[in-house]
Amino acid sequence: NADSGIYLRAVPQVQIWDVAGKHEDAKKGSGGLWNNKAGSKGRDPLVVADNPVGEWNSIFIRLVGDRVTVRLNDKLVVDDAPLQNYFNKGGLLPKTGPIQLQTHGAEIHWRNVMVKEL
């Protein structure tokens, strides 16, 4: 029942789910821009690409301006979608900010985290 994510510029979030968990939206898979408005591009992943709980997943995130592309386990799940500013609805995405690793509901582990400024 894990519900985790990666905040980009302190704005939530590229979603990471336990796809076998109880949350109904988890069945859509991980990698979507969970805090974008429902129905907007990138909110839900294009495909379910998650490995089973207990196996490592590999995620690649590219953010240029406000546009996000996400590949999960080498499958395209978000294709050049705008990341909406959750904290300032309708406002611009901050130009800079921290990358934050978030979890609640269960333990999550991270390894080989690499950041490259574009």
C-alpha atoms as a PDB file:
ATOM      1  CA  ASN A   1       0.000   0.000   0.000  1.00  0.00           C
ATOM      2  CA  ALA A   2       2.949   2.340  -0.516  1.00  0.00           C
ATOM      3  CA  ASP A   3       2.251   5.757  -1.979  1.00  0.00           C
ATOM      4  CA  SER A   4       5.439   7.551  -2.883  1.00  0.00           C
ATOM      5  CA  GLY A   5       6.744  10.063  -5.311  1.00  0.00           C
ATOM      6  CA  ILE A   6       9.425  12.362  -6.600  1.00  0.00           C
ATOM      7  CA  TYR A   7       8.859  16.093  -6.256  1.00  0.00           C
ATOM      8  CA  LEU A   8      10.408  18.221  -8.991  1.00  0.00           C
ATOM      9  CA  ARG A   9      11.382  21.762  -7.964  1.00  0.00           C
ATOM     10  CA  ALA A  10       9.477  21.079  -4.726  1.00  0.00           C
ATOM     11  CA  VAL A  11       6.245  20.551  -6.703  1.00  0.00           C
ATOM     12  CA  PRO A  12       4.465  17.193  -6.374  1.00  0.00           C
ATOM     13  CA  GLN A  13       4.893  14.731  -8.007  1.00  0.00           C
ATOM     14  CA  VAL A  14       5.941  11.892 -10.258  1.00  0.00           C
ATOM     15  CA  GLN A  15       3.883   9.176  -8.564  1.00  0.00           C
ATOM     16  CA  ILE A  16       5.173   5.808  -7.374  1.00  0.00           C
ATOM     17  CA  TRP A  17       2.502   3.298  -6.363  1.00  0.00           C
ATOM     18  CA  ASP A  18       2.295  -0.196  -4.995  1.00  0.00           C
ATOM     19  CA  VAL A  19       0.249  -1.371  -7.980  1.00  0.00           C
ATOM     20  CA  ALA A  20      -0.952  -4.408  -6.017  1.00  0.00           C
ATOM     21  CA  GLY A  21      -2.111  -2.172  -3.160  1.00  0.00           C
ATOM     22  CA  LYS A  22      -5.578  -1.086  -2.129  1.00  0.00           C
ATOM     23  CA  HIS A  23      -5.585   2.404  -3.660  1.00  0.00           C
ATOM     24  CA  GLU A  24      -7.780   2.258  -6.780  1.00  0.00           C
ATOM     25  CA  ASP A  25      -5.601   4.712  -8.738  1.00  0.00           C
ATOM     26  CA  ALA A  26      -2.549   2.496  -8.154  1.00  0.00           C
ATOM     27  CA  LYS A  27      -3.874   0.100 -10.798  1.00  0.00           C
ATOM     28  CA  LYS A  28      -3.030   2.768 -13.413  1.00  0.00           C
ATOM     29  CA  GLY A  29       0.660   2.337 -12.626  1.00  0.00           C
ATOM     30  CA  SER A  30       3.493   4.607 -11.551  1.00  0.00           C
ATOM     31  CA  GLY A  31       5.206   7.518 -13.233  1.00  0.00           C
ATOM     32  CA  GLY A  32       2.218   9.783 -13.816  1.00  0.00           C
ATOM     33  CA  LEU A  33       2.063  13.422 -12.731  1.00  0.00           C
ATOM     34  CA  TRP A  34      -0.304  12.643  -9.877  1.00  0.00           C
ATOM     35  CA  ASN A  35      -1.005  16.195  -8.721  1.00  0.00           C
ATOM     36  CA  ASN A  36      -1.896  17.487 -12.190  1.00  0.00           C
ATOM     37  CA  LYS A  37      -5.602  18.088 -12.739  1.00  0.00           C
ATOM     38  CA  ALA A  38      -7.610  14.944 -13.458  1.00  0.00           C
ATOM     39  CA  GLY A  39      -7.857  14.327 -17.200  1.00  0.00           C
ATOM     40  CA  SER A  40      -4.827  16.463 -18.074  1.00  0.00           C
ATOM     41  CA  LYS A  41      -1.918  15.160 -20.135  1.00  0.00           C
ATOM     42  CA  GLY A  42       0.560  13.239 -18.010  1.00  0.00           C
ATOM     43  CA  ARG A  43      -1.754  12.789 -15.005  1.00  0.00           C
ATOM     44  CA  ASP A  44      -2.149   9.070 -15.694  1.00  0.00           C
ATOM     45  CA  PRO A  45       0.686   6.955 -17.095  1.00  0.00           C
ATOM     46  CA  LEU A  46       0.422   5.762 -20.699  1.00  0.00           C
ATOM     47  CA  VAL A  47       1.131   2.153 -19.653  1.00  0.00           C
ATOM     48  CA  VAL A  48       1.612   0.155 -16.458  1.00  0.00           C
ATOM     49  CA  ALA A  49       5.367  -0.460 -16.336  1.00  0.00           C
ATOM     50  CA  ASP A  50       5.926  -1.278 -12.644  1.00  0.00           C
ATOM     51  CA  ASN A  51       7.914  -4.280 -11.498  1.00  0.00           C
ATOM     52  CA  PRO A  52       6.363  -6.329  -8.678  1.00  0.00           C
ATOM     53  CA  VAL A  53       6.880  -5.160  -5.084  1.00  0.00           C
ATOM     54  CA  GLY A  54      10.276  -6.350  -3.893  1.00  0.00           C
ATOM     55  CA  GLU A  55      11.957  -5.822  -7.269  1.00  0.00           C
ATOM     56  CA  TRP A  56      13.834  -2.669  -8.233  1.00  0.00           C
ATOM     57  CA  ASN A  57      12.305  -0.217 -10.658  1.00  0.00           C
ATOM     58  CA  SER A  58      14.301   2.142 -12.821  1.00  0.00           C
ATOM     59  CA  ILE A  59      12.900   5.594 -13.478  1.00  0.00           C
ATOM     60  CA  PHE A  60      14.207   8.282 -15.824  1.00  0.00           C
ATOM     61  CA  ILE A  61      12.723  11.757 -15.491  1.00  0.00           C
ATOM     62  CA  ARG A  62      13.493  14.652 -17.809  1.00  0.00           C
ATOM     63  CA  LEU A  63      12.210  18.114 -16.887  1.00  0.00           C
ATOM     64  CA  VAL A  64      12.860  21.015 -19.268  1.00  0.00           C
ATOM     65  CA  GLY A  65      10.950  24.197 -18.483  1.00  0.00           C
ATOM     66  CA  ASP A  66       7.631  22.812 -17.286  1.00  0.00           C
ATOM     67  CA  ARG A  67       7.643  19.766 -19.613  1.00  0.00           C
ATOM     68  CA  VAL A  68       8.186  16.307 -18.146  1.00  0.00           C
ATOM     69  CA  THR A  69       8.993  12.998 -19.807  1.00  0.00           C
ATOM     70  CA  VAL A  70       9.083   9.857 -17.671  1.00  0.00           C
ATOM     71  CA  ARG A  71      10.347   6.396 -18.563  1.00  0.00           C
ATOM     72  CA  LEU A  72       9.717   3.600 -16.052  1.00  0.00           C
ATOM     73  CA  ASN A  73      11.624   0.366 -16.614  1.00  0.00           C
ATOM     74  CA  ASP A  74      12.452   1.589 -20.152  1.00  0.00           C
ATOM     75  CA  LYS A  75       8.779   2.165 -21.036  1.00  0.00           C
ATOM     76  CA  LEU A  76       7.435   5.619 -21.859  1.00  0.00           C
ATOM     77  CA  VAL A  77       4.800   6.494 -19.257  1.00  0.00           C
ATOM     78  CA  VAL A  78       4.654  10.320 -19.606  1.00  0.00           C
ATOM     79  CA  ASP A  79       5.448  11.998 -22.910  1.00  0.00           C
ATOM     80  CA  ASP A  80       6.413  15.691 -22.753  1.00  0.00           C
ATOM     81  CA  ALA A  81       3.557  16.750 -20.461  1.00  0.00           C
ATOM     82  CA  PRO A  82       3.408  20.015 -18.508  1.00  0.00           C
ATOM     83  CA  LEU A  83       3.927  19.696 -14.755  1.00  0.00           C
ATOM     84  CA  GLN A  84       1.260  21.838 -13.133  1.00  0.00           C
ATOM     85  CA  ASN A  85       2.062  23.909 -10.061  1.00  0.00           C
ATOM     86  CA  TYR A  86       0.096  22.147  -7.335  1.00  0.00           C
ATOM     87  CA  PHE A  87       0.748  24.841  -4.725  1.00  0.00           C
ATOM     88  CA  ASN A  88      -0.109  27.796  -6.990  1.00  0.00           C
ATOM     89  CA  LYS A  89      -2.984  26.588  -9.174  1.00  0.00           C
ATOM     90  CA  GLY A  90      -2.653  28.165 -12.602  1.00  0.00           C
ATOM     91  CA  GLY A  91       0.674  29.703 -11.629  1.00  0.00           C
ATOM     92  CA  LEU A  92       3.983  29.073 -13.313  1.00  0.00           C
ATOM     93  CA  LEU A  93       6.242  26.240 -12.244  1.00  0.00           C
ATOM     94  CA  PRO A  94       9.251  27.506 -10.258  1.00  0.00           C
ATOM     95  CA  LYS A  95      12.372  27.817 -12.435  1.00  0.00           C
ATOM     96  CA  THR A  96      14.483  26.102  -9.767  1.00  0.00           C
ATOM     97  CA  GLY A  97      13.952  24.088  -6.618  1.00  0.00           C
ATOM     98  CA  PRO A  98      14.869  20.890  -4.838  1.00  0.00           C
ATOM     99  CA  ILE A  99      14.237  17.342  -5.919  1.00  0.00           C
ATOM    100  CA  GLN A 100      12.498  15.571  -3.034  1.00  0.00           C
ATOM    101  CA  LEU A 101      11.957  11.848  -2.447  1.00  0.00           C
ATOM    102  CA  GLN A 102       8.678  11.181  -0.657  1.00  0.00           C
ATOM    103  CA  THR A 103       6.933   8.172   0.828  1.00  0.00           C
ATOM    104  CA  HIS A 104       4.069   7.271   3.082  1.00  0.00           C
ATOM    105  CA  GLY A 105       2.164   4.090   3.738  1.00  0.00           C
ATOM    106  CA  ALA A 106       5.157   1.768   3.514  1.00  0.00           C
ATOM    107  CA  GLU A 107       8.923   1.656   3.322  1.00  0.00           C
ATOM    108  CA  ILE A 108      10.657   2.528   0.057  1.00  0.00           C
ATOM    109  CA  HIS A 109      14.323   2.293  -0.848  1.00  0.00           C
ATOM    110  CA  TRP A 110      16.294   4.443  -3.279  1.00  0.00           C
ATOM    111  CA  ARG A 111      19.640   3.727  -4.926  1.00  0.00           C
ATOM    112  CA  ASN A 112      21.774   5.100  -7.728  1.00  0.00           C
ATOM    113  CA  VAL A 113      20.070   8.490  -7.732  1.00  0.00           C
ATOM    114  CA  MET A 114      21.724  10.702 -10.339  1.00  0.00           C
ATOM    115  CA  VAL A 115      20.918  14.283 -11.308  1.00  0.00           C
ATOM    116  CA  LYS A 116      22.172  16.060 -14.408  1.00  0.00           C
ATOM    117  CA  GLU A 117      21.525  19.736 -15.010  1.00  0.00           C
ATOM    118  CA  LEU A 118      20.346  20.380 -18.570  1.00  0.00           C
END
